[in-house]
């Protein structure tokens, strides 16, 4: 139903736990991120999650090495998903940003 699709799209849940038949729900994406790191050694790219306004269901999960590769080299297009360019990092706070425009806006407001 439309309601079930909406609830699935807005729910913050752990995909690996759900695949194992365990239901986990979180109030915030950062809580999910902490759980993924602690329980599964998996990571979210918050630069992508925030810029692309991704739900927990849509967000890609990465190993530490794969996330570092994603930051440095981007991700090739897959299916209907467009390619993602490498993420520039702030030289001061070391945070990744989705694009040079977002990094520039951050630099103007924070530094």
Protein backbone atom coordinates (compact mmCIF):
# COMPACT_ATOMS: atom_id res chain seq x y z
CA UNK A 1 0.00 0.00 0.00
CA UNK A 2 1.00 3.65 -0.30
CA UNK A 3 1.12 3.96 3.49
CA UNK A 4 3.49 0.98 3.83
CA UNK A 5 5.80 2.40 1.13
CA UNK A 6 5.79 5.78 2.89
CA UNK A 7 6.58 4.20 6.27
CA UNK A 8 9.39 2.15 4.72
CA UNK A 9 10.84 5.24 3.01
CA UNK A 10 10.82 7.34 6.20
CA UNK A 11 11.85 4.63 8.69
CA UNK A 12 15.42 4.59 9.95
CA UNK A 13 16.37 0.93 10.17
CA UNK A 14 19.39 -1.32 9.81
CA UNK A 15 19.42 -3.18 6.48
CA UNK A 16 21.89 -5.89 7.65
CA UNK A 17 19.79 -6.62 10.76
CA UNK A 18 16.62 -6.73 8.69
CA UNK A 19 18.22 -9.24 6.29
CA UNK A 20 18.91 -11.41 9.37
CA UNK A 21 15.27 -11.15 10.43
CA UNK A 22 15.92 -8.70 13.29
CA UNK A 23 13.94 -5.49 13.39
CA UNK A 24 15.85 -2.40 14.48
CA UNK A 25 14.52 1.15 14.40
CA UNK A 26 16.27 4.41 15.20
CA UNK A 27 15.10 7.98 15.71
CA UNK A 28 18.08 9.57 13.94
CA UNK A 29 20.51 8.63 11.17
CA UNK A 30 23.47 9.20 13.52
CA UNK A 31 22.08 6.52 15.85
CA UNK A 32 21.88 4.14 12.89
CA UNK A 33 25.43 5.09 11.91
CA UNK A 34 26.74 4.28 15.40
CA UNK A 35 24.92 0.93 15.35
CA UNK A 36 26.27 0.07 11.88
CA UNK A 37 29.84 0.83 12.93
CA UNK A 38 29.61 -1.00 16.25
CA UNK A 39 27.63 -4.07 15.19
CA UNK A 40 28.49 -4.54 11.51
CA UNK A 41 31.70 -2.53 10.83
CA UNK A 42 29.79 -0.67 8.11
CA UNK A 43 29.63 3.06 7.40
CA UNK A 44 27.32 5.62 5.84
CA UNK A 45 28.55 8.46 3.66
CA UNK A 46 26.85 11.43 5.31
CA UNK A 47 28.00 13.68 2.46
CA UNK A 48 25.77 11.61 0.14
CA UNK A 49 22.97 11.04 2.66
CA UNK A 50 22.61 14.76 3.33
CA UNK A 51 23.16 16.13 -0.19
CA UNK A 52 21.04 13.50 -1.92
CA UNK A 53 18.44 13.43 0.89
CA UNK A 54 18.65 9.66 1.08
CA UNK A 55 16.56 7.50 3.35
CA UNK A 56 18.07 4.65 5.37
CA UNK A 57 16.74 2.30 2.72
CA UNK A 58 18.45 4.24 -0.11
CA UNK A 59 21.76 4.93 1.61
CA UNK A 60 24.76 2.89 0.49
CA UNK A 61 26.66 1.01 3.19
CA UNK A 62 30.45 0.83 2.98
CA UNK A 63 33.30 -0.96 4.67
CA UNK A 64 35.94 1.46 5.99
CA UNK A 65 38.18 0.80 2.97
CA UNK A 66 35.30 1.16 0.50
CA UNK A 67 34.21 4.45 2.13
CA UNK A 68 37.73 5.86 1.83
CA UNK A 69 37.79 4.79 -1.84
CA UNK A 70 34.36 6.41 -2.35
CA UNK A 71 35.62 9.69 -0.83
CA UNK A 72 38.76 9.71 -2.97
CA UNK A 73 37.51 8.33 -6.31
CA UNK A 74 33.71 8.62 -6.23
CA UNK A 75 31.37 5.86 -7.35
CA UNK A 76 30.55 4.75 -10.88
CA UNK A 77 26.98 4.91 -12.17
CA UNK A 78 24.92 1.79 -11.48
CA UNK A 79 21.50 1.11 -12.99
CA UNK A 80 19.38 4.23 -12.50
CA UNK A 81 21.87 5.71 -10.03
CA UNK A 82 24.12 8.43 -11.45
CA UNK A 83 27.87 8.43 -10.92
CA UNK A 84 29.06 10.22 -7.77
CA UNK A 85 32.13 12.42 -8.00
CA UNK A 86 34.90 12.22 -5.39
CA UNK A 87 34.12 14.18 -2.23
CA UNK A 88 36.34 17.15 -1.38
CA UNK A 89 37.36 17.47 2.28
CA UNK A 90 37.62 20.62 4.37
CA UNK A 91 41.32 21.18 5.03
CA UNK A 92 40.53 22.53 8.51
CA UNK A 93 37.92 20.18 10.01
CA UNK A 94 38.62 17.20 7.67
CA UNK A 95 34.90 16.64 6.97
CA UNK A 96 33.91 15.41 3.49
CA UNK A 97 31.45 17.39 1.38
CA UNK A 98 29.38 16.17 -1.53
CA UNK A 99 30.63 18.78 -3.98
CA UNK A 100 33.02 21.68 -4.33
CA UNK A 101 30.03 24.04 -4.06
CA UNK A 102 29.06 22.57 -0.67
CA UNK A 103 32.67 22.74 0.50
CA UNK A 104 32.86 26.38 -0.60
CA UNK A 105 29.63 27.23 1.28
CA UNK A 106 31.01 25.49 4.37
CA UNK A 107 34.32 27.35 4.10
CA UNK A 108 32.53 30.70 3.84
CA UNK A 109 30.30 30.06 6.85
CA UNK A 110 32.63 28.12 9.17
CA UNK A 111 36.14 29.35 8.39
